[in-house]
PDB file of N, CA and C in Angstrom:
ATOM      1  N   MET A   1       3.638 -12.245  81.972  1.00  0.00           N
ATOM      2  CA  MET A   1       3.946 -13.534  82.529  1.00  0.00           C
ATOM      3  C   MET A   1       5.314 -13.976  82.009  1.00  0.00           C
ATOM      4  N   THR A   2       6.150 -14.454  82.907  1.00  0.00           N
ATOM      5  CA  THR A   2       7.479 -14.923  82.509  1.00  0.00           C
ATOM      6  C   THR A   2       7.414 -16.401  82.114  1.00  0.00           C
ATOM      7  N   ILE A   3       8.491 -16.866  81.515  1.00  0.00           N
ATOM      8  CA  ILE A   3       8.571 -18.282  81.148  1.00  0.00           C
ATOM      9  C   ILE A   3       8.466 -19.148  82.404  1.00  0.00           C
ATOM     10  N   SER A   4       9.146 -18.761  83.469  1.00  0.00           N
ATOM     11  CA  SER A   4       9.074 -19.527  84.722  1.00  0.00           C
ATOM     12  C   SER A   4       7.654 -19.553  85.285  1.00  0.00           C
ATOM     13  N   GLU A   5       6.961 -18.432  85.207  1.00  0.00           N
ATOM     14  CA  GLU A   5       5.575 -18.385  85.684  1.00  0.00           C
ATOM     15  C   GLU A   5       4.684 -19.286  84.836  1.00  0.00           C
ATOM     16  N   PHE A   6       4.925 -19.291  83.519  1.00  0.00           N
ATOM     17  CA  PHE A   6       4.147 -20.168  82.638  1.00  0.00           C
ATOM     18  C   PHE A   6       4.364 -21.620  83.031  1.00  0.00           C
ATOM     19  N   ILE A   7       5.607 -22.025  83.172  1.00  0.00           N
ATOM     20  CA  ILE A   7       5.919 -23.405  83.545  1.00  0.00           C
ATOM     21  C   ILE A   7       5.321 -23.736  84.917  1.00  0.00           C
ATOM     22  N   GLY A   8       5.303 -22.748  85.817  1.00  0.00           N
ATOM     23  CA  GLY A   8       4.739 -22.945  87.151  1.00  0.00           C
ATOM     24  C   GLY A   8       3.242 -23.192  87.164  1.00  0.00           C
ATOM     25  N   LEU A   9       2.552 -22.912  86.063  1.00  0.00           N
ATOM     26  CA  LEU A   9       1.105 -23.165  85.984  1.00  0.00           C
ATOM     27  C   LEU A   9       0.774 -24.641  85.785  1.00  0.00           C
ATOM     28  N   PHE A  10       1.761 -25.431  85.356  1.00  0.00           N
ATOM     29  CA  PHE A  10       1.524 -26.864  85.201  1.00  0.00           C
ATOM     30  C   PHE A  10       1.378 -27.490  86.581  1.00  0.00           C
ATOM     31  N   PRO A  11       0.460 -28.427  86.731  1.00  0.00           N
ATOM     32  CA  PRO A  11       0.326 -29.086  88.038  1.00  0.00           C
ATOM     33  C   PRO A  11       1.550 -29.943  88.325  1.00  0.00           C
ATOM     34  N   PRO A  12       1.860 -30.147  89.604  1.00  0.00           N
ATOM     35  CA  PRO A  12       3.002 -31.004  89.945  1.00  0.00           C
ATOM     36  C   PRO A  12       2.743 -32.440  89.474  1.00  0.00           C
ATOM     37  N   LEU A  13       3.806 -33.106  89.111  1.00  0.00           N
ATOM     38  CA  LEU A  13       3.692 -34.494  88.669  1.00  0.00           C
ATOM     39  C   LEU A  13       4.197 -35.403  89.773  1.00  0.00           C
ATOM     40  N   GLU A  14       3.733 -36.639  89.763  1.00  0.00           N
ATOM     41  CA  GLU A  14       4.118 -37.581  90.814  1.00  0.00           C
ATOM     42  C   GLU A  14       5.609 -37.890  90.778  1.00  0.00           C
ATOM     43  N   GLU A  15       6.149 -38.068  89.596  1.00  0.00           N
ATOM     44  CA  GLU A  15       7.581 -38.371  89.491  1.00  0.00           C
ATOM     45  C   GLU A  15       8.378 -37.082  89.396  1.00  0.00           C
ATOM     46  N   ASP A  16       9.656 -37.174  89.659  1.00  0.00           N
ATOM     47  CA  ASP A  16      10.513 -35.988  89.557  1.00  0.00           C
ATOM     48  C   ASP A  16      10.795 -35.699  88.100  1.00  0.00           C
ATOM     49  N   THR A  17      10.228 -34.649  87.611  1.00  0.00           N
ATOM     50  CA  THR A  17      10.442 -34.263  86.214  1.00  0.00           C
ATOM     51  C   THR A  17      11.023 -32.864  86.147  1.00  0.00           C
ATOM     52  N   SER A  18      11.679 -32.440  87.194  1.00  0.00           N
ATOM     53  CA  SER A  18      12.239 -31.096  87.186  1.00  0.00           C
ATOM     54  C   SER A  18      13.167 -30.945  85.993  1.00  0.00           C
ATOM     55  N   GLY A  19      12.956 -29.902  85.259  1.00  0.00           N
ATOM     56  CA  GLY A  19      13.784 -29.629  84.101  1.00  0.00           C
ATOM     57  C   GLY A  19      13.276 -30.217  82.803  1.00  0.00           C
ATOM     58  N   ILE A  20      12.306 -31.101  82.866  1.00  0.00           N
ATOM     59  CA  ILE A  20      11.855 -31.756  81.640  1.00  0.00           C
ATOM     60  C   ILE A  20      11.206 -30.771  80.673  1.00  0.00           C
ATOM     61  N   LEU A  21      10.569 -29.739  81.204  1.00  0.00           N
ATOM     62  CA  LEU A  21       9.929 -28.749  80.348  1.00  0.00           C
ATOM     63  C   LEU A  21      10.873 -27.614  79.985  1.00  0.00           C
ATOM     64  N   ILE A  22      12.016 -27.583  80.627  1.00  0.00           N
ATOM     65  CA  ILE A  22      12.967 -26.500  80.343  1.00  0.00           C
ATOM     66  C   ILE A  22      14.292 -27.099  79.903  1.00  0.00           C
ATOM     67  N   GLU A  23      14.190 -27.987  78.944  1.00  0.00           N
ATOM     68  CA  GLU A  23      15.342 -28.767  78.525  1.00  0.00           C
ATOM     69  C   GLU A  23      16.376 -27.938  77.771  1.00  0.00           C
ATOM     70  N   THR A  24      15.996 -26.853  77.164  1.00  0.00           N
ATOM     71  CA  THR A  24      16.953 -26.085  76.380  1.00  0.00           C
ATOM     72  C   THR A  24      17.669 -25.046  77.246  1.00  0.00           C
ATOM     73  N   GLU A  25      18.830 -24.662  76.810  1.00  0.00           N
ATOM     74  CA  GLU A  25      19.602 -23.623  77.503  1.00  0.00           C
ATOM     75  C   GLU A  25      18.784 -22.344  77.631  1.00  0.00           C
ATOM     76  N   GLU A  26      18.037 -22.028  76.596  1.00  0.00           N
ATOM     77  CA  GLU A  26      17.230 -20.806  76.586  1.00  0.00           C
ATOM     78  C   GLU A  26      16.329 -20.731  77.811  1.00  0.00           C
ATOM     79  N   TYR A  27      15.649 -21.817  78.124  1.00  0.00           N
ATOM     80  CA  TYR A  27      14.713 -21.787  79.238  1.00  0.00           C
ATOM     81  C   TYR A  27      15.412 -21.895  80.590  1.00  0.00           C
ATOM     82  N   ARG A  28      16.546 -22.575  80.631  1.00  0.00           N
ATOM     83  CA  ARG A  28      17.271 -22.662  81.893  1.00  0.00           C
ATOM     84  C   ARG A  28      17.755 -21.298  82.353  1.00  0.00           C
ATOM     85  N   TYR A  29      18.206 -20.493  81.412  1.00  0.00           N
ATOM     86  CA  TYR A  29      18.824 -19.228  81.776  1.00  0.00           C
ATOM     87  C   TYR A  29      17.961 -18.006  81.484  1.00  0.00           C
ATOM     88  N   CYS A  30      16.798 -18.195  80.894  1.00  0.00           N
ATOM     89  CA  CYS A  30      15.945 -17.056  80.527  1.00  0.00           C
ATOM     90  C   CYS A  30      14.550 -17.183  81.105  1.00  0.00           C
ATOM     91  N   GLY A  31      14.420 -17.866  82.218  1.00  0.00           N
ATOM     92  CA  GLY A  31      13.107 -18.066  82.827  1.00  0.00           C
ATOM     93  C   GLY A  31      12.425 -16.785  83.237  1.00  0.00           C
ATOM     94  N   ASP A  32      13.201 -15.724  83.425  1.00  0.00           N
ATOM     95  CA  ASP A  32      12.603 -14.455  83.837  1.00  0.00           C
ATOM     96  C   ASP A  32      12.203 -13.590  82.642  1.00  0.00           C
ATOM     97  N   ARG A  33      12.407 -14.110  81.432  1.00  0.00           N
ATOM     98  CA  ARG A  33      12.011 -13.396  80.216  1.00  0.00           C
ATOM     99  C   ARG A  33      10.504 -13.543  80.011  1.00  0.00           C
ATOM    100  N   GLU A  34       9.888 -12.545  79.423  1.00  0.00           N
ATOM    101  CA  GLU A  34       8.461 -12.605  79.120  1.00  0.00           C
ATOM    102  C   GLU A  34       8.175 -13.803  78.208  1.00  0.00           C
ATOM    103  N   CYS A  35       7.095 -14.486  78.479  1.00  0.00           N
ATOM    104  CA  CYS A  35       6.722 -15.667  77.707  1.00  0.00           C
ATOM    105  C   CYS A  35       5.908 -15.255  76.485  1.00  0.00           C
ATOM    106  N   ARG A  36       6.467 -15.494  75.313  1.00  0.00           N
ATOM    107  CA  ARG A  36       5.781 -15.222  74.058  1.00  0.00           C
ATOM    108  C   ARG A  36       4.936 -16.445  73.675  1.00  0.00           C
ATOM    109  N   ARG A  37       4.025 -16.257  72.746  1.00  0.00           N
ATOM    110  CA  ARG A  37       3.210 -17.385  72.285  1.00  0.00           C
ATOM    111  C   ARG A  37       4.093 -18.506  71.724  1.00  0.00           C
ATOM    112  N   ALA A  38       5.177 -18.155  71.043  1.00  0.00           N
ATOM    113  CA  ALA A  38       6.087 -19.171  70.506  1.00  0.00           C
ATOM    114  C   ALA A  38       6.748 -19.962  71.636  1.00  0.00           C
ATOM    115  N   ASP A  39       7.149 -19.280  72.711  1.00  0.00           N
ATOM    116  CA  ASP A  39       7.737 -19.978  73.869  1.00  0.00           C
ATOM    117  C   ASP A  39       6.726 -20.945  74.469  1.00  0.00           C
ATOM    118  N   ALA A  40       5.494 -20.478  74.623  1.00  0.00           N
ATOM    119  CA  ALA A  40       4.436 -21.311  75.193  1.00  0.00           C
ATOM    120  C   ALA A  40       4.221 -22.558  74.342  1.00  0.00           C
ATOM    121  N   ALA A  41       4.182 -22.394  73.030  1.00  0.00           N
ATOM    122  CA  ALA A  41       3.991 -23.541  72.138  1.00  0.00           C
ATOM    123  C   ALA A  41       5.126 -24.544  72.291  1.00  0.00           C
ATOM    124  N   ARG A  42       6.344 -24.058  72.423  1.00  0.00           N
ATOM    125  CA  ARG A  42       7.492 -24.964  72.572  1.00  0.00           C
ATOM    126  C   ARG A  42       7.423 -25.729  73.891  1.00  0.00           C
ATOM    127  N   ILE A  43       7.016 -25.062  74.957  1.00  0.00           N
ATOM    128  CA  ILE A  43       6.912 -25.726  76.260  1.00  0.00           C
ATOM    129  C   ILE A  43       5.761 -26.732  76.244  1.00  0.00           C
ATOM    130  N   LEU A  44       4.628 -26.337  75.673  1.00  0.00           N
ATOM    131  CA  LEU A  44       3.489 -27.250  75.562  1.00  0.00           C
ATOM    132  C   LEU A  44       3.850 -28.470  74.720  1.00  0.00           C
ATOM    133  N   HIS A  45       4.638 -28.255  73.680  1.00  0.00           N
ATOM    134  CA  HIS A  45       5.073 -29.356  72.830  1.00  0.00           C
ATOM    135  C   HIS A  45       5.979 -30.308  73.618  1.00  0.00           C
ATOM    136  N   GLN A  46       6.868 -29.764  74.437  1.00  0.00           N
ATOM    137  CA  GLN A  46       7.710 -30.615  75.288  1.00  0.00           C
ATOM    138  C   GLN A  46       6.849 -31.463  76.228  1.00  0.00           C
ATOM    139  N   TYR A  47       5.804 -30.862  76.785  1.00  0.00           N
ATOM    140  CA  TYR A  47       4.893 -31.588  77.667  1.00  0.00           C
ATOM    141  C   TYR A  47       4.226 -32.732  76.897  1.00  0.00           C
ATOM    142  N   LEU A  48       3.773 -32.443  75.686  1.00  0.00           N
ATOM    143  CA  LEU A  48       3.150 -33.481  74.862  1.00  0.00           C
ATOM    144  C   LEU A  48       4.113 -34.639  74.622  1.00  0.00           C
ATOM    145  N   LYS A  49       5.358 -34.331  74.297  1.00  0.00           N
ATOM    146  CA  LYS A  49       6.333 -35.363  73.965  1.00  0.00           C
ATOM    147  C   LYS A  49       6.855 -36.097  75.194  1.00  0.00           C
ATOM    148  N   LYS A  50       7.253 -35.342  76.208  1.00  0.00           N
ATOM    149  CA  LYS A  50       7.967 -35.939  77.344  1.00  0.00           C
ATOM    150  C   LYS A  50       7.038 -36.512  78.418  1.00  0.00           C
ATOM    151  N   ILE A  51       5.937 -35.845  78.669  1.00  0.00           N
ATOM    152  CA  ILE A  51       5.042 -36.290  79.734  1.00  0.00           C
ATOM    153  C   ILE A  51       3.922 -37.167  79.180  1.00  0.00           C
ATOM    154  N   LYS A  52       3.252 -36.679  78.139  1.00  0.00           N
ATOM    155  CA  LYS A  52       2.129 -37.416  77.551  1.00  0.00           C
ATOM    156  C   LYS A  52       2.572 -38.514  76.587  1.00  0.00           C
ATOM    157  N   LYS A  53       3.829 -38.434  76.123  1.00  0.00           N
ATOM    158  CA  LYS A  53       4.376 -39.422  75.182  1.00  0.00           C
ATOM    159  C   LYS A  53       3.594 -39.470  73.871  1.00  0.00           C
ATOM    160  N   PHE A  54       3.101 -38.321  73.419  1.00  0.00           N
ATOM    161  CA  PHE A  54       2.370 -38.232  72.161  1.00  0.00           C
ATOM    162  C   PHE A  54       3.357 -38.085  71.003  1.00  0.00           C
ATOM    163  N   PRO A  55       3.112 -38.805  69.917  1.00  0.00           N
ATOM    164  CA  PRO A  55       3.948 -38.587  68.728  1.00  0.00           C
ATOM    165  C   PRO A  55       3.510 -37.289  68.033  1.00  0.00           C
ATOM    166  N   ASP A  56       4.399 -36.727  67.272  1.00  0.00           N
ATOM    167  CA  ASP A  56       4.044 -35.534  66.509  1.00  0.00           C
ATOM    168  C   ASP A  56       3.089 -35.902  65.378  1.00  0.00           C
ATOM    169  N   LEU A  57       2.123 -35.039  65.156  1.00  0.00           N
ATOM    170  CA  LEU A  57       1.263 -35.167  63.981  1.00  0.00           C
ATOM    171  C   LEU A  57       2.076 -34.674  62.789  1.00  0.00           C
ATOM    172  N   THR A  58       1.867 -35.252  61.625  1.00  0.00           N
ATOM    173  CA  THR A  58       2.713 -34.914  60.487  1.00  0.00           C
ATOM    174  C   THR A  58       1.987 -34.230  59.334  1.00  0.00           C
ATOM    175  N   ASP A  59       0.676 -34.242  59.344  1.00  0.00           N
ATOM    176  CA  ASP A  59      -0.077 -33.611  58.263  1.00  0.00           C
ATOM    177  C   ASP A  59      -0.389 -32.162  58.638  1.00  0.00           C
ATOM    178  N   PHE A  60       0.371 -31.236  58.054  1.00  0.00           N
ATOM    179  CA  PHE A  60       0.206 -29.808  58.344  1.00  0.00           C
ATOM    180  C   PHE A  60      -0.691 -29.117  57.320  1.00  0.00           C
ATOM    181  N   SER A  61      -1.343 -29.867  56.455  1.00  0.00           N
ATOM    182  CA  SER A  61      -2.108 -29.266  55.353  1.00  0.00           C
ATOM    183  C   SER A  61      -3.212 -28.329  55.837  1.00  0.00           C
ATOM    184  N   THR A  62      -3.774 -28.583  56.999  1.00  0.00           N
ATOM    185  CA  THR A  62      -4.834 -27.706  57.512  1.00  0.00           C
ATOM    186  C   THR A  62      -4.283 -26.368  58.014  1.00  0.00           C
ATOM    187  N   LEU A  63      -2.971 -26.249  58.088  1.00  0.00           N
ATOM    188  CA  LEU A  63      -2.339 -25.027  58.594  1.00  0.00           C
ATOM    189  C   LEU A  63      -1.798 -24.141  57.477  1.00  0.00           C
ATOM    190  N   LYS A  64      -2.154 -24.429  56.253  1.00  0.00           N
ATOM    191  CA  LYS A  64      -1.582 -23.706  55.109  1.00  0.00           C
ATOM    192  C   LYS A  64      -1.892 -22.214  55.126  1.00  0.00           C
ATOM    193  N   ASP A  65      -2.940 -21.798  55.822  1.00  0.00           N
ATOM    194  CA  ASP A  65      -3.303 -20.380  55.870  1.00  0.00           C
ATOM    195  C   ASP A  65      -2.615 -19.604  56.993  1.00  0.00           C
ATOM    196  N   ILE A  66      -1.879 -20.277  57.854  1.00  0.00           N
ATOM    197  CA  ILE A  66      -1.177 -19.605  58.955  1.00  0.00           C
ATOM    198  C   ILE A  66       0.066 -18.947  58.365  1.00  0.00           C
ATOM    199  N   LYS A  67       0.009 -17.649  58.171  1.00  0.00           N
ATOM    200  CA  LYS A  67       1.036 -16.917  57.419  1.00  0.00           C
ATOM    201  C   LYS A  67       2.419 -16.928  58.069  1.00  0.00           C
ATOM    202  N   ASP A  68       2.473 -16.972  59.403  1.00  0.00           N
ATOM    203  CA  ASP A  68       3.771 -16.882  60.084  1.00  0.00           C
ATOM    204  C   ASP A  68       4.250 -18.210  60.669  1.00  0.00           C
ATOM    205  N   LEU A  69       3.651 -19.310  60.248  1.00  0.00           N
ATOM    206  CA  LEU A  69       3.995 -20.613  60.818  1.00  0.00           C
ATOM    207  C   LEU A  69       5.488 -20.908  60.728  1.00  0.00           C
ATOM    208  N   TYR A  70       6.118 -20.551  59.614  1.00  0.00           N
ATOM    209  CA  TYR A  70       7.527 -20.872  59.418  1.00  0.00           C
ATOM    210  C   TYR A  70       8.450 -19.686  59.662  1.00  0.00           C
ATOM    211  N   ASP A  71       7.955 -18.642  60.317  1.00  0.00           N
ATOM    212  CA  ASP A  71       8.815 -17.496  60.626  1.00  0.00           C
ATOM    213  C   ASP A  71       9.929 -17.869  61.605  1.00  0.00           C
ATOM    214  N   CYS A  72       9.685 -18.866  62.417  1.00  0.00           N
ATOM    215  CA  CYS A  72      10.707 -19.388  63.333  1.00  0.00           C
ATOM    216  C   CYS A  72      10.862 -20.867  63.017  1.00  0.00           C
ATOM    217  N   ARG A  73      11.963 -21.222  62.361  1.00  0.00           N
ATOM    218  CA  ARG A  73      12.151 -22.625  61.976  1.00  0.00           C
ATOM    219  C   ARG A  73      12.232 -23.543  63.193  1.00  0.00           C
ATOM    220  N   ILE A  74      12.791 -23.042  64.273  1.00  0.00           N
ATOM    221  CA  ILE A  74      12.912 -23.845  65.489  1.00  0.00           C
ATOM    222  C   ILE A  74      11.548 -24.090  66.123  1.00  0.00           C
ATOM    223  N   CYS A  75      10.681 -23.103  66.046  1.00  0.00           N
ATOM    224  CA  CYS A  75       9.362 -23.167  66.687  1.00  0.00           C
ATOM    225  C   CYS A  75       8.279 -23.789  65.813  1.00  0.00           C
ATOM    226  N   ALA A  76       8.507 -23.900  64.520  1.00  0.00           N
ATOM    227  CA  ALA A  76       7.441 -24.269  63.579  1.00  0.00           C
ATOM    228  C   ALA A  76       6.731 -25.569  63.942  1.00  0.00           C
ATOM    229  N   ASN A  77       7.473 -26.613  64.257  1.00  0.00           N
ATOM    230  CA  ASN A  77       6.829 -27.878  64.588  1.00  0.00           C
ATOM    231  C   ASN A  77       6.032 -27.773  65.890  1.00  0.00           C
ATOM    232  N   ALA A  78       6.591 -27.123  66.889  1.00  0.00           N
ATOM    233  CA  ALA A  78       5.881 -26.967  68.170  1.00  0.00           C
ATOM    234  C   ALA A  78       4.594 -26.174  67.971  1.00  0.00           C
ATOM    235  N   ILE A  79       4.660 -25.111  67.200  1.00  0.00           N
ATOM    236  CA  ILE A  79       3.468 -24.304  66.916  1.00  0.00           C
ATOM    237  C   ILE A  79       2.446 -25.141  66.159  1.00  0.00           C
ATOM    238  N   ALA A  80       2.908 -25.886  65.168  1.00  0.00           N
ATOM    239  CA  ALA A  80       2.000 -26.735  64.398  1.00  0.00           C
ATOM    240  C   ALA A  80       1.301 -27.751  65.298  1.00  0.00           C
ATOM    241  N   GLN A  81       2.046 -28.368  66.208  1.00  0.00           N
ATOM    242  CA  GLN A  81       1.445 -29.358  67.108  1.00  0.00           C
ATOM    243  C   GLN A  81       0.393 -28.709  68.018  1.00  0.00           C
ATOM    244  N   ALA A  82       0.706 -27.520  68.529  1.00  0.00           N
ATOM    245  CA  ALA A  82      -0.247 -26.807  69.395  1.00  0.00           C
ATOM    246  C   ALA A  82      -1.518 -26.443  68.632  1.00  0.00           C
ATOM    247  N   LEU A  83      -1.368 -26.054  67.375  1.00  0.00           N
ATOM    248  CA  LEU A  83      -2.535 -25.704  66.567  1.00  0.00           C
ATOM    249  C   LEU A  83      -3.311 -26.941  66.134  1.00  0.00           C
ATOM    250  N   LEU A  84      -2.624 -27.959  65.650  1.00  0.00           N
ATOM    251  CA  LEU A  84      -3.295 -29.167  65.176  1.00  0.00           C
ATOM    252  C   LEU A  84      -4.075 -29.858  66.281  1.00  0.00           C
ATOM    253  N   ARG A  85      -3.547 -29.823  67.482  1.00  0.00           N
ATOM    254  CA  ARG A  85      -4.220 -30.479  68.609  1.00  0.00           C
ATOM    255  C   ARG A  85      -5.190 -29.546  69.343  1.00  0.00           C
ATOM    256  N   LYS A  86      -5.348 -28.337  68.793  1.00  0.00           N
ATOM    257  CA  LYS A  86      -6.294 -27.344  69.341  1.00  0.00           C
ATOM    258  C   LYS A  86      -5.939 -26.924  70.771  1.00  0.00           C
ATOM    259  N   ILE A  87      -4.645 -26.940  71.072  1.00  0.00           N
ATOM    260  CA  ILE A  87      -4.166 -26.500  72.384  1.00  0.00           C
ATOM    261  C   ILE A  87      -4.100 -24.977  72.412  1.00  0.00           C
ATOM    262  N   MET A  88      -3.683 -24.400  71.294  1.00  0.00           N
ATOM    263  CA  MET A  88      -3.653 -22.947  71.135  1.00  0.00           C
ATOM    264  C   MET A  88      -4.410 -22.601  69.858  1.00  0.00           C
ATOM    265  N   GLU A  89      -4.895 -21.379  69.795  1.00  0.00           N
ATOM    266  CA  GLU A  89      -5.679 -20.935  68.645  1.00  0.00           C
ATOM    267  C   GLU A  89      -4.895 -19.923  67.814  1.00  0.00           C
ATOM    268  N   PRO A  90      -5.124 -19.917  66.502  1.00  0.00           N
ATOM    269  CA  PRO A  90      -4.508 -18.874  65.677  1.00  0.00           C
ATOM    270  C   PRO A  90      -5.211 -17.537  65.906  1.00  0.00           C
ATOM    271  N   VAL A  91      -4.615 -16.488  65.394  1.00  0.00           N
ATOM    272  CA  VAL A  91      -5.155 -15.136  65.526  1.00  0.00           C
ATOM    273  C   VAL A  91      -5.583 -14.662  64.141  1.00  0.00           C
ATOM    274  N   LYS A  92      -6.770 -14.086  64.060  1.00  0.00           N
ATOM    275  CA  LYS A  92      -7.255 -13.558  62.786  1.00  0.00           C
ATOM    276  C   LYS A  92      -7.111 -12.039  62.808  1.00  0.00           C
ATOM    277  N   ILE A  93      -6.411 -11.520  61.816  1.00  0.00           N
ATOM    278  CA  ILE A  93      -6.157 -10.090  61.693  1.00  0.00           C
ATOM    279  C   ILE A  93      -7.005  -9.547  60.536  1.00  0.00           C
ATOM    280  N   PRO A  94      -7.937  -8.634  60.825  1.00  0.00           N
ATOM    281  CA  PRO A  94      -8.760  -8.079  59.740  1.00  0.00           C
ATOM    282  C   PRO A  94      -7.910  -7.315  58.731  1.00  0.00           C
ATOM    283  N   THR A  95      -8.238  -7.522  57.456  1.00  0.00           N
ATOM    284  CA  THR A  95      -7.554  -6.794  56.382  1.00  0.00           C
ATOM    285  C   THR A  95      -8.541  -5.980  55.557  1.00  0.00           C
ATOM    286  N   GLY A  96      -9.776  -6.026  55.930  1.00  0.00           N
ATOM    287  CA  GLY A  96     -10.830  -5.307  55.222  1.00  0.00           C
ATOM    288  C   GLY A  96     -12.160  -5.617  55.884  1.00  0.00           C
ATOM    289  N   GLU A  97     -13.225  -5.236  55.227  1.00  0.00           N
ATOM    290  CA  GLU A  97     -14.549  -5.444  55.814  1.00  0.00           C
ATOM    291  C   GLU A  97     -14.868  -6.908  56.075  1.00  0.00           C
ATOM    292  N   SER A  98     -14.564  -7.764  55.132  1.00  0.00           N
ATOM    293  CA  SER A  98     -14.912  -9.174  55.294  1.00  0.00           C
ATOM    294  C   SER A  98     -13.729 -10.099  55.033  1.00  0.00           C
ATOM    295  N   SER A  99     -12.529  -9.575  55.137  1.00  0.00           N
ATOM    296  CA  SER A  99     -11.354 -10.412  54.902  1.00  0.00           C
ATOM    297  C   SER A  99     -10.380 -10.306  56.071  1.00  0.00           C
ATOM    298  N   TYR A 100      -9.544 -11.305  56.190  1.00  0.00           N
ATOM    299  CA  TYR A 100      -8.563 -11.345  57.267  1.00  0.00           C
ATOM    300  C   TYR A 100      -7.417 -12.258  56.872  1.00  0.00           C
ATOM    301  N   ILE A 101      -6.318 -12.142  57.589  1.00  0.00           N
ATOM    302  CA  ILE A 101      -5.234 -13.110  57.471  1.00  0.00           C
ATOM    303  C   ILE A 101      -5.150 -13.845  58.801  1.00  0.00           C
ATOM    304  N   THR A 102      -4.682 -15.056  58.746  1.00  0.00           N
ATOM    305  CA  THR A 102      -4.563 -15.867  59.954  1.00  0.00           C
ATOM    306  C   THR A 102      -3.086 -16.054  60.260  1.00  0.00           C
ATOM    307  N   ILE A 103      -2.716 -15.752  61.501  1.00  0.00           N
ATOM    308  CA  ILE A 103      -1.336 -15.910  61.950  1.00  0.00           C
ATOM    309  C   ILE A 103      -1.322 -16.612  63.303  1.00  0.00           C
ATOM    310  N   PHE A 104      -0.164 -17.078  63.688  1.00  0.00           N
ATOM    311  CA  PHE A 104      -0.010 -17.609  65.045  1.00  0.00           C
ATOM    312  C   PHE A 104       0.331 -16.469  66.001  1.00  0.00           C
ATOM    313  N   ASP A 105       1.042 -15.487  65.531  1.00  0.00           N
ATOM    314  CA  ASP A 105       1.438 -14.323  66.329  1.00  0.00           C
ATOM    315  C   ASP A 105       2.506 -14.710  67.354  1.00  0.00           C
ATOM    316  N   LEU A 106       3.626 -15.180  66.827  1.00  0.00           N
ATOM    317  CA  LEU A 106       4.717 -15.729  67.623  1.00  0.00           C
ATOM    318  C   LEU A 106       5.230 -14.815  68.723  1.00  0.00           C
ATOM    319  N   GLU A 107       5.376 -13.539  68.429  1.00  0.00           N
ATOM    320  CA  GLU A 107       6.059 -12.614  69.340  1.00  0.00           C
ATOM    321  C   GLU A 107       5.163 -12.000  70.421  1.00  0.00           C
ATOM    322  N   THR A 108       3.857 -12.143  70.285  1.00  0.00           N
ATOM    323  CA  THR A 108       2.952 -11.555  71.283  1.00  0.00           C
ATOM    324  C   THR A 108       3.110 -12.278  72.615  1.00  0.00           C
ATOM    325  N   LYS A 109       3.131 -11.521  73.682  1.00  0.00           N
ATOM    326  CA  LYS A 109       3.226 -12.093  75.024  1.00  0.00           C
ATOM    327  C   LYS A 109       1.936 -12.839  75.340  1.00  0.00           C
ATOM    328  N   ILE A 110       2.063 -14.011  75.906  1.00  0.00           N
ATOM    329  CA  ILE A 110       0.892 -14.803  76.241  1.00  0.00           C
ATOM    330  C   ILE A 110       0.229 -14.230  77.496  1.00  0.00           C
ATOM    331  N   THR A 111      -1.079 -14.196  77.498  1.00  0.00           N
ATOM    332  CA  THR A 111      -1.803 -13.718  78.674  1.00  0.00           C
ATOM    333  C   THR A 111      -1.994 -14.869  79.650  1.00  0.00           C
ATOM    334  N   ARG A 112      -2.254 -14.542  80.880  1.00  0.00           N
ATOM    335  CA  ARG A 112      -2.489 -15.585  81.881  1.00  0.00           C
ATOM    336  C   ARG A 112      -3.699 -16.442  81.497  1.00  0.00           C
ATOM    337  N   GLU A 113      -4.745 -15.784  81.022  1.00  0.00           N
ATOM    338  CA  GLU A 113      -5.956 -16.506  80.626  1.00  0.00           C
ATOM    339  C   GLU A 113      -5.654 -17.497  79.490  1.00  0.00           C
ATOM    340  N   GLU A 114      -4.913 -17.045  78.493  1.00  0.00           N
ATOM    341  CA  GLU A 114      -4.562 -17.922  77.379  1.00  0.00           C
ATOM    342  C   GLU A 114      -3.650 -19.056  77.853  1.00  0.00           C
ATOM    343  N   ALA A 115      -2.722 -18.737  78.730  1.00  0.00           N
ATOM    344  CA  ALA A 115      -1.809 -19.749  79.262  1.00  0.00           C
ATOM    345  C   ALA A 115      -2.573 -20.826  80.027  1.00  0.00           C
ATOM    346  N   GLU A 116      -3.464 -20.408  80.908  1.00  0.00           N
ATOM    347  CA  GLU A 116      -4.236 -21.372  81.691  1.00  0.00           C
ATOM    348  C   GLU A 116      -5.099 -22.248  80.787  1.00  0.00           C
ATOM    349  N   SER A 117      -5.692 -21.646  79.764  1.00  0.00           N
ATOM    350  CA  SER A 117      -6.522 -22.393  78.823  1.00  0.00           C
ATOM    351  C   SER A 117      -5.693 -23.415  78.059  1.00  0.00           C
ATOM    352  N   ALA A 118      -4.539 -23.026  77.555  1.00  0.00           N
ATOM    353  CA  ALA A 118      -3.675 -23.935  76.799  1.00  0.00           C
ATOM    354  C   ALA A 118      -3.186 -25.090  77.667  1.00  0.00           C
ATOM    355  N   ILE A 119      -2.792 -24.776  78.880  1.00  0.00           N
ATOM    356  CA  ILE A 119      -2.305 -25.824  79.790  1.00  0.00           C
ATOM    357  C   ILE A 119      -3.434 -26.787  80.139  1.00  0.00           C
ATOM    358  N   SER A 120      -4.615 -26.263  80.378  1.00  0.00           N
ATOM    359  CA  SER A 120      -5.779 -27.113  80.658  1.00  0.00           C
ATOM    360  C   SER A 120      -6.065 -28.043  79.487  1.00  0.00           C
ATOM    361  N   ARG A 121      -5.956 -27.509  78.284  1.00  0.00           N
ATOM    362  CA  ARG A 121      -6.216 -28.334  77.086  1.00  0.00           C
ATOM    363  C   ARG A 121      -5.173 -29.429  76.919  1.00  0.00           C
ATOM    364  N   VAL A 122      -3.911 -29.089  77.116  1.00  0.00           N
ATOM    365  CA  VAL A 122      -2.862 -30.106  76.911  1.00  0.00           C
ATOM    366  C   VAL A 122      -2.950 -31.184  77.990  1.00  0.00           C
ATOM    367  N   ILE A 123      -3.310 -30.821  79.186  1.00  0.00           N
ATOM    368  CA  ILE A 123      -3.438 -31.806  80.266  1.00  0.00           C
ATOM    369  C   ILE A 123      -4.606 -32.744  80.004  1.00  0.00           C
ATOM    370  N   SER A 124      -5.684 -32.204  79.429  1.00  0.00           N
ATOM    371  CA  SER A 124      -6.889 -33.023  79.212  1.00  0.00           C
ATOM    372  C   SER A 124      -6.789 -33.970  78.004  1.00  0.00           C
ATOM    373  N   LEU A 125      -5.745 -33.856  77.221  1.00  0.00           N
ATOM    374  CA  LEU A 125      -5.582 -34.770  76.064  1.00  0.00           C
ATOM    375  C   LEU A 125      -5.316 -36.187  76.521  1.00  0.00           C
TER     376      LEU A 125
END
C-alpha cells in the first residue's frame, strides 16, 4: 500500500481539506512510496490534530517498554499518540520461550487490514 492509497482510505470530509493530511514535503512528493507504520502514525496524528482537534497526550510513561519509540525523532510523538490512543498496536517479538520485546516496528510496511483498522479507530474517537 502506498502513502497515497493509505490517505485515500479516509472518508471524504464535508469541507475542503485537500492537503491537510499531506502537509509535509515528504508526502506531497512521495505519495507513491510504500507506506510504513511510521508514515501511517504520522498521517493518523495529523488527522487527530487537524481534523479532530485533539491535543497531544503528554504522559508517555506507559510506553517505556517500546524499544524503538525514539528511533525516529520526527516520528516519536506521532507514534506515541497512535499507541496511547490505541489507534495502532505495538508488535511483540519473541526472545525466548516466555519472553519478548515490544517495538512499534517503524519500517514495516502497513497492511491494508491494519490501515483500515487504524483509520476506523481514529475516526471513531
